[in-house]
N, C-alpha and C. Protein backbone atom coordinates (compact mmCIF):
# COMPACT_ATOMS: atom_id res chain seq x y z
N UNK A 1 0.84 -1.21 0.00
CA UNK A 1 0.00 0.00 0.00
C UNK A 1 0.87 1.25 0.00
N UNK A 2 0.50 2.22 -0.76
CA UNK A 2 1.23 3.48 -0.84
C UNK A 2 1.16 4.20 0.49
N UNK A 3 2.31 4.45 1.17
CA UNK A 3 2.27 5.13 2.47
C UNK A 3 1.81 6.57 2.37
N UNK A 4 1.78 7.11 1.14
CA UNK A 4 1.31 8.47 0.95
C UNK A 4 -0.02 8.46 0.22
N UNK A 5 -0.93 7.63 0.67
CA UNK A 5 -2.24 7.57 0.04
C UNK A 5 -2.93 8.92 0.13
N UNK A 6 -3.76 9.23 -0.86
CA UNK A 6 -4.42 10.54 -0.89
C UNK A 6 -5.32 10.75 0.32
N UNK A 7 -5.96 9.67 0.81
CA UNK A 7 -6.83 9.82 1.97
C UNK A 7 -6.04 10.29 3.18
N UNK A 8 -4.86 9.71 3.39
CA UNK A 8 -4.02 10.11 4.51
C UNK A 8 -3.63 11.57 4.41
N UNK A 9 -3.27 11.98 3.21
CA UNK A 9 -2.76 13.34 3.05
C UNK A 9 -3.84 14.40 3.17
N UNK A 10 -5.02 14.12 2.68
CA UNK A 10 -6.00 15.19 2.62
C UNK A 10 -6.64 15.51 3.97
N UNK A 11 -6.83 14.52 4.82
CA UNK A 11 -7.59 14.75 6.04
C UNK A 11 -6.73 14.70 7.30
N UNK A 12 -5.87 13.72 7.40
CA UNK A 12 -5.21 13.45 8.66
C UNK A 12 -3.75 13.87 8.71
N UNK A 13 -3.24 14.43 7.64
CA UNK A 13 -1.83 14.76 7.60
C UNK A 13 -1.00 13.51 7.50
N UNK A 14 0.26 13.60 7.85
CA UNK A 14 1.17 12.46 7.80
C UNK A 14 1.85 12.36 9.14
N UNK A 15 1.72 11.21 9.79
CA UNK A 15 2.36 11.04 11.08
C UNK A 15 3.87 11.10 10.91
N UNK A 16 4.58 11.28 12.01
CA UNK A 16 6.01 11.54 11.95
C UNK A 16 6.74 10.44 11.21
N UNK A 17 7.42 10.84 10.16
CA UNK A 17 8.23 9.95 9.33
C UNK A 17 9.67 10.11 9.79
N UNK A 18 10.12 9.25 10.67
CA UNK A 18 11.40 9.46 11.34
C UNK A 18 12.57 9.15 10.41
N UNK A 19 13.57 10.00 10.49
CA UNK A 19 14.82 9.78 9.78
C UNK A 19 15.94 9.67 10.81
N UNK A 20 17.15 9.40 10.34
CA UNK A 20 18.25 9.18 11.27
C UNK A 20 18.85 10.48 11.77
N UNK A 21 18.54 11.60 11.13
CA UNK A 21 19.18 12.86 11.47
C UNK A 21 18.41 13.67 12.48
N UNK A 22 18.78 14.94 12.57
CA UNK A 22 18.25 15.80 13.61
C UNK A 22 17.51 17.01 13.07
N UNK A 23 17.03 16.94 11.83
CA UNK A 23 16.26 18.04 11.26
C UNK A 23 14.84 17.56 11.04
N UNK A 24 13.89 18.32 11.54
CA UNK A 24 12.48 18.02 11.31
C UNK A 24 11.87 19.07 10.40
N UNK A 25 11.20 18.62 9.37
CA UNK A 25 10.42 19.49 8.50
C UNK A 25 8.96 19.32 8.88
N UNK A 26 8.34 20.42 9.27
CA UNK A 26 6.90 20.45 9.52
C UNK A 26 6.25 21.06 8.30
N UNK A 27 5.43 20.26 7.61
CA UNK A 27 4.96 20.68 6.29
C UNK A 27 3.44 20.59 6.18
N UNK A 28 2.93 21.31 5.21
CA UNK A 28 1.56 21.12 4.75
C UNK A 28 1.45 19.72 4.14
N UNK A 29 0.38 19.01 4.45
CA UNK A 29 0.20 17.67 3.89
C UNK A 29 0.17 17.65 2.38
N UNK A 30 -0.15 18.77 1.77
CA UNK A 30 -0.16 18.83 0.31
C UNK A 30 1.24 18.73 -0.29
N UNK A 31 2.28 18.86 0.54
CA UNK A 31 3.66 18.81 0.05
C UNK A 31 4.37 17.52 0.43
N UNK A 32 3.67 16.60 1.06
CA UNK A 32 4.33 15.40 1.58
C UNK A 32 5.00 14.59 0.48
N UNK A 33 4.29 14.32 -0.60
CA UNK A 33 4.88 13.54 -1.69
C UNK A 33 6.14 14.20 -2.23
N UNK A 34 6.05 15.50 -2.43
CA UNK A 34 7.17 16.23 -3.02
C UNK A 34 8.39 16.23 -2.10
N UNK A 35 8.16 16.44 -0.81
CA UNK A 35 9.28 16.49 0.13
C UNK A 35 9.94 15.13 0.27
N UNK A 36 9.15 14.07 0.35
CA UNK A 36 9.74 12.74 0.46
C UNK A 36 10.46 12.37 -0.83
N UNK A 37 9.92 12.76 -1.97
CA UNK A 37 10.59 12.49 -3.24
C UNK A 37 11.95 13.20 -3.29
N UNK A 38 11.98 14.45 -2.86
CA UNK A 38 13.23 15.20 -2.85
C UNK A 38 14.22 14.60 -1.85
N UNK A 39 13.73 14.24 -0.69
CA UNK A 39 14.61 13.66 0.32
C UNK A 39 15.24 12.36 -0.18
N UNK A 40 14.40 11.50 -0.77
CA UNK A 40 14.91 10.21 -1.22
C UNK A 40 15.85 10.35 -2.41
N UNK A 41 15.51 11.26 -3.33
CA UNK A 41 16.34 11.44 -4.52
C UNK A 41 17.71 12.02 -4.18
N UNK A 42 17.76 12.84 -3.13
CA UNK A 42 19.01 13.52 -2.79
C UNK A 42 19.75 12.86 -1.62
N UNK A 43 19.18 11.81 -1.06
CA UNK A 43 19.83 11.14 0.05
C UNK A 43 19.89 11.98 1.31
N UNK A 44 18.85 12.80 1.53
CA UNK A 44 18.82 13.66 2.71
C UNK A 44 18.32 12.86 3.92
N UNK A 45 19.13 11.91 4.37
CA UNK A 45 18.71 11.04 5.45
C UNK A 45 18.61 11.75 6.80
N UNK A 46 19.13 12.97 6.86
CA UNK A 46 19.08 13.72 8.12
C UNK A 46 17.73 14.39 8.33
N UNK A 47 16.84 14.30 7.35
CA UNK A 47 15.56 15.00 7.43
C UNK A 47 14.45 14.03 7.83
N UNK A 48 13.71 14.38 8.87
CA UNK A 48 12.47 13.71 9.23
C UNK A 48 11.32 14.64 8.84
N UNK A 49 10.15 14.07 8.66
CA UNK A 49 9.01 14.84 8.16
C UNK A 49 7.77 14.54 8.97
N UNK A 50 7.04 15.59 9.34
CA UNK A 50 5.69 15.42 9.85
C UNK A 50 4.81 16.46 9.14
N UNK A 51 3.62 16.05 8.77
CA UNK A 51 2.75 16.94 7.99
C UNK A 51 1.46 17.23 8.72
N UNK A 52 1.05 18.47 8.67
CA UNK A 52 -0.26 18.87 9.17
C UNK A 52 -1.31 18.57 8.11
N UNK A 53 -2.56 18.44 8.50
CA UNK A 53 -3.60 18.08 7.53
C UNK A 53 -3.66 19.07 6.37
N UNK A 54 -3.68 18.53 5.17
CA UNK A 54 -3.73 19.38 3.98
C UNK A 54 -5.03 20.17 3.89
N UNK A 55 -6.07 19.71 4.59
CA UNK A 55 -7.34 20.42 4.54
C UNK A 55 -7.22 21.83 5.13
N UNK A 56 -6.15 22.09 5.90
CA UNK A 56 -5.92 23.46 6.38
C UNK A 56 -5.72 24.43 5.23
N UNK A 57 -5.40 23.91 4.06
CA UNK A 57 -5.33 24.72 2.85
C UNK A 57 -6.61 25.56 2.68
N UNK A 58 -7.72 24.98 3.11
CA UNK A 58 -9.02 25.67 2.99
C UNK A 58 -9.37 26.49 4.23
N UNK A 59 -8.50 26.43 5.26
CA UNK A 59 -8.77 27.16 6.51
C UNK A 59 -7.48 27.81 6.99
N UNK A 60 -6.95 28.78 6.24
CA UNK A 60 -5.65 29.35 6.60
C UNK A 60 -5.61 30.00 7.97
N UNK A 61 -6.75 30.39 8.50
CA UNK A 61 -6.77 31.01 9.83
C UNK A 61 -6.36 30.01 10.92
N UNK A 62 -6.35 28.73 10.61
CA UNK A 62 -5.98 27.70 11.59
C UNK A 62 -4.51 27.28 11.49
N UNK A 63 -3.84 27.69 10.43
CA UNK A 63 -2.49 27.17 10.16
C UNK A 63 -1.49 27.59 11.23
N UNK A 64 -1.49 28.86 11.59
CA UNK A 64 -0.47 29.36 12.52
C UNK A 64 -0.51 28.63 13.86
N UNK A 65 -1.69 28.46 14.42
CA UNK A 65 -1.80 27.75 15.70
C UNK A 65 -1.37 26.30 15.56
N UNK A 66 -1.70 25.68 14.42
CA UNK A 66 -1.32 24.28 14.21
C UNK A 66 0.19 24.13 14.11
N UNK A 67 0.84 25.08 13.44
CA UNK A 67 2.30 25.03 13.34
C UNK A 67 2.93 25.28 14.71
N UNK A 68 2.41 26.25 15.46
CA UNK A 68 2.93 26.50 16.80
C UNK A 68 2.88 25.23 17.65
N UNK A 69 1.76 24.54 17.60
CA UNK A 69 1.59 23.33 18.40
C UNK A 69 2.56 22.24 17.96
N UNK A 70 2.78 22.12 16.66
CA UNK A 70 3.69 21.08 16.16
C UNK A 70 5.13 21.38 16.56
N UNK A 71 5.51 22.65 16.48
CA UNK A 71 6.87 23.03 16.91
C UNK A 71 7.06 22.73 18.39
N UNK A 72 6.09 23.09 19.21
CA UNK A 72 6.17 22.85 20.65
C UNK A 72 6.28 21.36 20.94
N UNK A 73 5.51 20.54 20.19
CA UNK A 73 5.50 19.09 20.43
C UNK A 73 6.84 18.45 20.12
N UNK A 74 7.51 18.91 19.06
CA UNK A 74 8.69 18.20 18.56
C UNK A 74 10.02 18.89 18.83
N UNK A 75 9.98 20.10 19.37
CA UNK A 75 11.21 20.87 19.49
C UNK A 75 12.32 20.13 20.25
N UNK A 76 11.98 19.48 21.32
CA UNK A 76 13.00 18.86 22.18
C UNK A 76 13.72 17.71 21.49
N UNK A 77 13.11 17.13 20.47
CA UNK A 77 13.70 15.94 19.84
C UNK A 77 14.62 16.26 18.67
N UNK A 78 14.67 17.51 18.22
CA UNK A 78 15.42 17.85 17.01
C UNK A 78 16.28 19.09 17.23
N UNK A 79 17.42 19.08 16.58
CA UNK A 79 18.32 20.23 16.65
C UNK A 79 17.77 21.40 15.84
N UNK A 80 17.12 21.08 14.71
CA UNK A 80 16.61 22.11 13.80
C UNK A 80 15.21 21.76 13.37
N UNK A 81 14.34 22.76 13.31
CA UNK A 81 13.00 22.58 12.75
C UNK A 81 12.83 23.58 11.61
N UNK A 82 12.30 23.10 10.50
CA UNK A 82 12.03 23.94 9.33
C UNK A 82 10.56 23.81 8.98
N UNK A 83 9.91 24.93 8.71
CA UNK A 83 8.49 24.94 8.40
C UNK A 83 8.28 25.05 6.90
N UNK A 84 7.74 24.01 6.31
CA UNK A 84 7.51 23.98 4.86
C UNK A 84 6.11 24.47 4.53
N UNK A 85 5.89 25.71 4.85
CA UNK A 85 4.74 26.49 4.42
C UNK A 85 5.31 27.81 3.90
N UNK A 86 4.57 28.47 3.03
CA UNK A 86 4.82 29.89 2.79
C UNK A 86 3.83 30.66 3.67
N UNK A 87 3.48 31.89 3.33
CA UNK A 87 2.50 32.61 4.14
C UNK A 87 1.14 31.93 4.10
N UNK A 88 0.75 31.43 2.92
CA UNK A 88 -0.42 30.56 2.76
C UNK A 88 -1.72 31.15 3.30
N UNK A 89 -1.89 32.45 3.10
CA UNK A 89 -3.15 33.08 3.49
C UNK A 89 -3.27 33.42 4.95
N UNK A 90 -2.17 33.36 5.71
CA UNK A 90 -2.23 33.64 7.14
C UNK A 90 -2.06 35.12 7.46
N UNK A 91 -1.90 35.94 6.44
CA UNK A 91 -1.79 37.38 6.66
C UNK A 91 -0.54 37.79 7.41
N UNK A 92 0.52 37.00 7.26
CA UNK A 92 1.78 37.33 7.91
C UNK A 92 1.93 36.75 9.30
N UNK A 93 0.85 36.18 9.87
CA UNK A 93 0.95 35.68 11.24
C UNK A 93 1.85 34.45 11.34
N UNK A 94 1.88 33.62 10.30
CA UNK A 94 2.73 32.43 10.35
C UNK A 94 4.20 32.81 10.32
N UNK A 95 4.56 33.74 9.47
CA UNK A 95 5.95 34.19 9.42
C UNK A 95 6.36 34.84 10.74
N UNK A 96 5.47 35.62 11.33
CA UNK A 96 5.76 36.24 12.62
C UNK A 96 5.95 35.18 13.70
N UNK A 97 5.07 34.18 13.71
CA UNK A 97 5.17 33.12 14.71
C UNK A 97 6.47 32.34 14.55
N UNK A 98 6.86 32.06 13.32
CA UNK A 98 8.11 31.31 13.10
C UNK A 98 9.31 32.12 13.56
N UNK A 99 9.28 33.41 13.31
CA UNK A 99 10.37 34.27 13.79
C UNK A 99 10.44 34.26 15.31
N UNK A 100 9.29 34.32 15.97
CA UNK A 100 9.25 34.29 17.43
C UNK A 100 9.77 32.97 17.98
N UNK A 101 9.50 31.87 17.26
CA UNK A 101 9.92 30.55 17.73
C UNK A 101 11.34 30.21 17.29
N UNK A 102 11.92 31.05 16.43
CA UNK A 102 13.28 30.80 15.98
C UNK A 102 13.40 29.66 14.99
N UNK A 103 12.38 29.48 14.15
CA UNK A 103 12.43 28.44 13.13
C UNK A 103 12.30 29.09 11.75
N UNK A 104 12.95 28.49 10.76
CA UNK A 104 12.90 29.01 9.41
C UNK A 104 11.62 28.59 8.71
N UNK A 105 11.25 29.36 7.68
CA UNK A 105 10.05 29.11 6.90
C UNK A 105 10.36 29.46 5.45
N UNK A 106 9.66 28.82 4.52
CA UNK A 106 9.86 29.12 3.11
C UNK A 106 9.39 30.54 2.81
N UNK A 107 10.17 31.28 2.07
CA UNK A 107 9.76 32.63 1.67
C UNK A 107 8.65 32.55 0.63
N UNK A 108 7.81 33.56 0.61
CA UNK A 108 6.83 33.68 -0.46
C UNK A 108 5.40 33.68 0.04
N UNK A 109 4.46 34.04 -0.83
CA UNK A 109 3.07 34.16 -0.42
C UNK A 109 2.33 32.82 -0.34
N UNK A 110 2.72 31.86 -1.19
CA UNK A 110 1.99 30.59 -1.25
C UNK A 110 2.79 29.59 -2.08
N UNK A 111 2.30 28.34 -2.11
CA UNK A 111 3.06 27.30 -2.80
C UNK A 111 3.10 27.52 -4.31
N UNK A 112 2.10 28.16 -4.88
CA UNK A 112 2.13 28.42 -6.33
C UNK A 112 3.33 29.28 -6.68
N UNK A 113 3.67 30.21 -5.79
CA UNK A 113 4.81 31.10 -6.04
C UNK A 113 6.12 30.36 -5.90
N UNK A 114 6.29 29.54 -4.86
CA UNK A 114 7.59 28.90 -4.73
C UNK A 114 7.77 27.74 -5.68
N UNK A 115 6.70 27.10 -6.13
CA UNK A 115 6.87 26.10 -7.19
C UNK A 115 7.29 26.78 -8.50
N UNK A 116 6.68 27.91 -8.81
CA UNK A 116 7.03 28.64 -10.02
C UNK A 116 8.43 29.23 -9.92
N UNK A 117 8.84 29.53 -8.69
CA UNK A 117 10.07 30.29 -8.44
C UNK A 117 9.66 31.71 -8.11
N UNK A 118 10.08 32.21 -6.96
CA UNK A 118 9.57 33.49 -6.48
C UNK A 118 9.85 34.63 -7.44
N UNK A 119 11.03 34.65 -8.03
CA UNK A 119 11.37 35.73 -8.95
C UNK A 119 10.49 35.68 -10.19
N UNK A 120 10.35 34.48 -10.77
CA UNK A 120 9.52 34.36 -11.96
C UNK A 120 8.06 34.66 -11.64
N UNK A 121 7.57 34.19 -10.50
CA UNK A 121 6.17 34.43 -10.16
C UNK A 121 5.91 35.92 -10.00
N UNK A 122 6.87 36.63 -9.41
CA UNK A 122 6.72 38.08 -9.27
C UNK A 122 6.65 38.76 -10.63
N UNK A 123 7.42 38.24 -11.59
CA UNK A 123 7.43 38.83 -12.93
C UNK A 123 6.12 38.62 -13.67
N UNK A 124 5.49 37.47 -13.46
CA UNK A 124 4.30 37.15 -14.26
C UNK A 124 2.99 37.43 -13.54
N UNK A 125 3.03 37.68 -12.24
CA UNK A 125 1.79 37.75 -11.47
C UNK A 125 0.87 38.87 -11.93
N UNK A 126 1.42 39.98 -12.36
CA UNK A 126 0.55 41.09 -12.80
C UNK A 126 -0.20 40.73 -14.07
N UNK A 127 0.39 39.86 -14.88
CA UNK A 127 -0.27 39.44 -16.12
C UNK A 127 -1.16 38.23 -15.91
N UNK A 128 -1.10 37.63 -14.72
CA UNK A 128 -1.86 36.41 -14.49
C UNK A 128 -2.82 36.55 -13.30
N UNK A 129 -3.35 37.74 -13.13
CA UNK A 129 -4.32 37.94 -12.06
C UNK A 129 -5.60 37.15 -12.33
N UNK A 130 -5.79 36.70 -13.58
CA UNK A 130 -6.98 35.95 -13.95
C UNK A 130 -6.68 34.47 -14.13
N UNK A 131 -5.61 33.97 -13.51
CA UNK A 131 -5.24 32.55 -13.61
C UNK A 131 -5.62 31.82 -12.33
N UNK A 132 -6.11 30.61 -12.48
CA UNK A 132 -6.43 29.72 -11.37
C UNK A 132 -5.40 28.60 -11.38
N UNK A 133 -4.66 28.43 -10.27
CA UNK A 133 -3.53 27.52 -10.25
C UNK A 133 -3.87 26.19 -9.59
N UNK A 134 -3.32 25.13 -10.16
CA UNK A 134 -3.36 23.81 -9.54
C UNK A 134 -1.96 23.22 -9.53
N UNK A 135 -1.64 22.49 -8.47
CA UNK A 135 -0.40 21.71 -8.38
C UNK A 135 -0.75 20.24 -8.58
N UNK A 136 0.26 19.37 -8.56
CA UNK A 136 -0.01 17.94 -8.66
C UNK A 136 -1.02 17.51 -7.60
N UNK A 137 -0.79 17.94 -6.37
CA UNK A 137 -1.68 17.55 -5.29
C UNK A 137 -3.11 18.00 -5.55
N UNK A 138 -3.28 19.25 -5.96
CA UNK A 138 -4.63 19.77 -6.15
C UNK A 138 -5.32 19.17 -7.36
N UNK A 139 -4.55 18.73 -8.34
CA UNK A 139 -5.16 18.00 -9.45
C UNK A 139 -5.71 16.66 -8.93
N UNK A 140 -4.88 15.96 -8.14
CA UNK A 140 -5.34 14.68 -7.59
C UNK A 140 -6.56 14.87 -6.69
N UNK A 141 -6.59 15.98 -5.97
CA UNK A 141 -7.62 16.21 -4.96
C UNK A 141 -8.60 17.32 -5.38
N UNK A 142 -8.84 17.45 -6.66
CA UNK A 142 -9.65 18.55 -7.17
C UNK A 142 -11.06 18.55 -6.56
N UNK A 143 -11.70 17.39 -6.51
CA UNK A 143 -13.05 17.34 -5.96
C UNK A 143 -13.06 17.68 -4.48
N UNK A 144 -12.07 17.16 -3.73
CA UNK A 144 -12.04 17.36 -2.27
C UNK A 144 -11.68 18.78 -1.88
N UNK A 145 -10.86 19.46 -2.72
CA UNK A 145 -10.35 20.77 -2.31
C UNK A 145 -10.93 21.94 -3.11
N UNK A 146 -11.55 21.66 -4.24
CA UNK A 146 -12.11 22.73 -5.06
C UNK A 146 -13.61 22.52 -5.28
N UNK A 147 -13.96 21.46 -5.94
CA UNK A 147 -15.33 21.27 -6.41
C UNK A 147 -16.34 21.21 -5.26
N UNK A 148 -16.09 20.33 -4.30
CA UNK A 148 -17.06 20.17 -3.20
C UNK A 148 -17.02 21.33 -2.21
N UNK A 149 -15.84 21.82 -1.77
CA UNK A 149 -15.86 22.95 -0.84
C UNK A 149 -16.55 24.20 -1.39
N UNK A 150 -16.51 24.36 -2.71
CA UNK A 150 -17.18 25.51 -3.31
C UNK A 150 -18.65 25.25 -3.57
N UNK A 151 -19.11 24.04 -3.24
CA UNK A 151 -20.51 23.71 -3.41
C UNK A 151 -20.92 23.42 -4.83
N UNK A 152 -19.94 23.21 -5.72
CA UNK A 152 -20.26 23.01 -7.13
C UNK A 152 -20.83 21.63 -7.40
N UNK A 153 -20.64 20.69 -6.48
CA UNK A 153 -21.27 19.38 -6.62
C UNK A 153 -22.77 19.49 -6.42
N UNK A 154 -23.20 20.46 -5.61
CA UNK A 154 -24.62 20.65 -5.33
C UNK A 154 -25.25 21.74 -6.18
N UNK A 155 -24.44 22.73 -6.53
CA UNK A 155 -24.96 23.87 -7.29
C UNK A 155 -24.00 24.21 -8.44
N UNK A 156 -23.92 23.37 -9.45
CA UNK A 156 -22.98 23.62 -10.55
C UNK A 156 -23.25 24.93 -11.28
N UNK A 157 -24.45 25.46 -11.12
CA UNK A 157 -24.78 26.73 -11.78
C UNK A 157 -23.96 27.90 -11.22
N UNK A 158 -23.35 27.69 -10.04
CA UNK A 158 -22.54 28.76 -9.44
C UNK A 158 -21.17 28.90 -10.10
N UNK A 159 -20.79 27.92 -10.91
CA UNK A 159 -19.45 27.94 -11.50
C UNK A 159 -19.16 29.24 -12.23
N UNK A 160 -20.08 29.65 -13.07
CA UNK A 160 -19.82 30.83 -13.90
C UNK A 160 -19.74 32.10 -13.07
N UNK A 161 -20.40 32.13 -11.91
CA UNK A 161 -20.29 33.28 -11.03
C UNK A 161 -18.93 33.27 -10.32
N UNK A 162 -18.55 32.11 -9.78
CA UNK A 162 -17.27 32.02 -9.06
C UNK A 162 -16.08 32.32 -9.96
N UNK A 163 -16.15 31.87 -11.20
CA UNK A 163 -14.99 31.94 -12.08
C UNK A 163 -15.16 32.96 -13.21
N UNK A 164 -16.05 33.90 -12.99
CA UNK A 164 -16.32 34.89 -14.03
C UNK A 164 -15.09 35.72 -14.37
N UNK A 165 -14.21 35.92 -13.41
CA UNK A 165 -13.04 36.78 -13.63
C UNK A 165 -11.76 35.99 -13.90
N UNK A 166 -11.90 34.68 -14.04
CA UNK A 166 -10.75 33.86 -14.40
C UNK A 166 -10.77 33.57 -15.90
N UNK A 167 -9.57 33.51 -16.48
CA UNK A 167 -9.45 33.22 -17.91
C UNK A 167 -8.88 31.84 -18.18
N UNK A 168 -7.96 31.39 -17.34
CA UNK A 168 -7.31 30.11 -17.62
C UNK A 168 -6.96 29.38 -16.33
N UNK A 169 -6.81 28.08 -16.45
CA UNK A 169 -6.28 27.26 -15.38
C UNK A 169 -4.83 26.93 -15.72
N UNK A 170 -3.94 27.22 -14.80
CA UNK A 170 -2.52 26.92 -14.98
C UNK A 170 -2.17 25.73 -14.09
N UNK A 171 -1.77 24.64 -14.73
CA UNK A 171 -1.33 23.46 -14.00
C UNK A 171 0.18 23.52 -13.84
N UNK A 172 0.63 23.72 -12.61
CA UNK A 172 2.05 23.71 -12.29
C UNK A 172 2.44 22.27 -11.99
N UNK A 173 3.04 21.61 -12.95
CA UNK A 173 3.34 20.19 -12.83
C UNK A 173 4.66 19.98 -12.10
N UNK A 174 4.62 19.26 -10.99
CA UNK A 174 5.85 18.89 -10.31
C UNK A 174 6.49 17.65 -10.93
N UNK A 175 5.66 16.81 -11.52
CA UNK A 175 6.14 15.58 -12.15
C UNK A 175 5.63 15.51 -13.58
N UNK A 176 6.32 14.76 -14.39
CA UNK A 176 5.93 14.61 -15.79
C UNK A 176 5.04 13.38 -15.92
N UNK A 177 3.77 13.56 -15.63
CA UNK A 177 2.80 12.47 -15.55
C UNK A 177 1.67 12.75 -16.53
N UNK A 178 1.62 12.05 -17.68
CA UNK A 178 0.57 12.32 -18.67
C UNK A 178 -0.84 12.15 -18.11
N UNK A 179 -1.02 11.19 -17.21
CA UNK A 179 -2.36 10.99 -16.65
C UNK A 179 -2.80 12.18 -15.81
N UNK A 180 -1.87 12.75 -15.03
CA UNK A 180 -2.20 13.94 -14.25
C UNK A 180 -2.47 15.13 -15.15
N UNK A 181 -1.72 15.23 -16.24
CA UNK A 181 -1.95 16.32 -17.19
C UNK A 181 -3.35 16.25 -17.77
N UNK A 182 -3.78 15.05 -18.13
CA UNK A 182 -5.13 14.90 -18.68
C UNK A 182 -6.18 15.19 -17.63
N UNK A 183 -5.90 14.82 -16.39
CA UNK A 183 -6.86 15.13 -15.33
C UNK A 183 -6.92 16.64 -15.10
N UNK A 184 -5.78 17.32 -15.17
CA UNK A 184 -5.76 18.77 -15.02
C UNK A 184 -6.53 19.43 -16.16
N UNK A 185 -6.36 18.91 -17.36
CA UNK A 185 -7.11 19.45 -18.50
C UNK A 185 -8.61 19.28 -18.30
N UNK A 186 -8.99 18.14 -17.74
CA UNK A 186 -10.41 17.90 -17.45
C UNK A 186 -10.92 18.87 -16.39
N UNK A 187 -10.06 19.19 -15.41
CA UNK A 187 -10.45 20.18 -14.40
C UNK A 187 -10.72 21.54 -15.03
N UNK A 188 -9.86 21.93 -15.97
CA UNK A 188 -10.06 23.20 -16.67
C UNK A 188 -11.38 23.19 -17.43
N UNK A 189 -11.67 22.06 -18.08
CA UNK A 189 -12.93 21.96 -18.83
C UNK A 189 -14.13 22.09 -17.88
N UNK A 190 -14.03 21.47 -16.71
CA UNK A 190 -15.14 21.53 -15.75
C UNK A 190 -15.37 22.95 -15.26
N UNK A 191 -14.29 23.73 -15.19
CA UNK A 191 -14.41 25.11 -14.74
C UNK A 191 -14.67 26.09 -15.87
N UNK A 192 -14.65 25.59 -17.08
CA UNK A 192 -14.90 26.46 -18.23
C UNK A 192 -13.75 27.40 -18.52
N UNK A 193 -12.51 26.95 -18.23
CA UNK A 193 -11.33 27.79 -18.41
C UNK A 193 -10.39 27.22 -19.45
N UNK A 194 -9.62 28.10 -20.06
CA UNK A 194 -8.54 27.65 -20.94
C UNK A 194 -7.51 26.91 -20.10
N UNK A 195 -6.71 26.07 -20.74
CA UNK A 195 -5.77 25.22 -20.02
C UNK A 195 -4.34 25.52 -20.43
N UNK A 196 -3.47 25.63 -19.41
CA UNK A 196 -2.04 25.77 -19.66
C UNK A 196 -1.29 24.89 -18.67
N UNK A 197 -0.34 24.12 -19.17
CA UNK A 197 0.50 23.29 -18.31
C UNK A 197 1.91 23.85 -18.31
N UNK A 198 2.48 23.97 -17.10
CA UNK A 198 3.88 24.36 -16.97
C UNK A 198 4.59 23.32 -16.12
N UNK A 199 5.69 22.83 -16.59
CA UNK A 199 6.49 21.93 -15.78
C UNK A 199 7.40 22.78 -14.91
N UNK A 200 7.04 22.92 -13.65
CA UNK A 200 7.84 23.72 -12.72
C UNK A 200 8.83 22.88 -11.95
N UNK A 201 8.59 21.55 -11.89
CA UNK A 201 9.37 20.75 -10.97
C UNK A 201 9.07 21.20 -9.55
N UNK A 202 10.09 21.15 -8.69
CA UNK A 202 9.88 21.47 -7.28
C UNK A 202 10.23 22.92 -6.95
N UNK A 203 10.77 23.64 -7.92
CA UNK A 203 11.00 25.07 -7.75
C UNK A 203 11.81 25.41 -6.51
N UNK A 204 11.39 26.46 -5.83
CA UNK A 204 12.11 26.93 -4.65
C UNK A 204 11.90 26.03 -3.43
N UNK A 205 10.98 25.08 -3.51
CA UNK A 205 10.86 24.10 -2.43
C UNK A 205 12.16 23.30 -2.32
N UNK A 206 12.68 22.87 -3.46
CA UNK A 206 13.94 22.13 -3.44
C UNK A 206 15.08 23.00 -2.93
N UNK A 207 15.12 24.25 -3.38
CA UNK A 207 16.18 25.17 -2.93
C UNK A 207 16.13 25.36 -1.42
N UNK A 208 14.92 25.54 -0.89
CA UNK A 208 14.78 25.77 0.55
C UNK A 208 15.20 24.53 1.35
N UNK A 209 14.79 23.36 0.91
CA UNK A 209 15.15 22.15 1.62
C UNK A 209 16.63 21.84 1.51
N UNK A 210 17.22 22.19 0.38
CA UNK A 210 18.66 21.98 0.23
C UNK A 210 19.43 22.83 1.25
N UNK A 211 18.88 23.98 1.59
CA UNK A 211 19.51 24.83 2.58
C UNK A 211 19.40 24.30 3.99
N UNK A 212 18.47 23.37 4.21
CA UNK A 212 18.29 22.78 5.54
C UNK A 212 19.30 21.66 5.75
């Protein structure tokens, strides 16, 4: 059985994945696959991982307290803790909390920016104010994180109101997976948006973890 099953990631987070080293990454559950893939590919055996529930993606007001609690729970067991979130809709409170706790955090407003690369995202953001972004995780979990939370399963007629100001769906692909690409294209069709795929890879997530 896949230890990173989608059910585990979307609701319950990922329980502590112990490594031999002394660095703990506290991450959004939506990044678990990517972080473990990077760790395994690069032989970063010093990194352990624990993930908070990815459903917090839809409740950013809860993220800061959840991260504080996770840091408090694990601080004594690790020499270094790194928080694999960006600001993620917390209005700066998460970055402030991390500074107060003395732990590092990924720079940037959200995961779409650091997957794209912060410099590139800053360059294109003014021209893409009408873009709706999906990552590998959100393509896999489109119904759980987009369609149903917005009530479109019950009221599909609301789609055109919600997305009236969007022009295209941009799929930021972390992996080169034709099946995911086709699923992302289907998501764009369901939302009535043009489709664009960009292979971003892991972007600044990899850079940040390499620094840990």
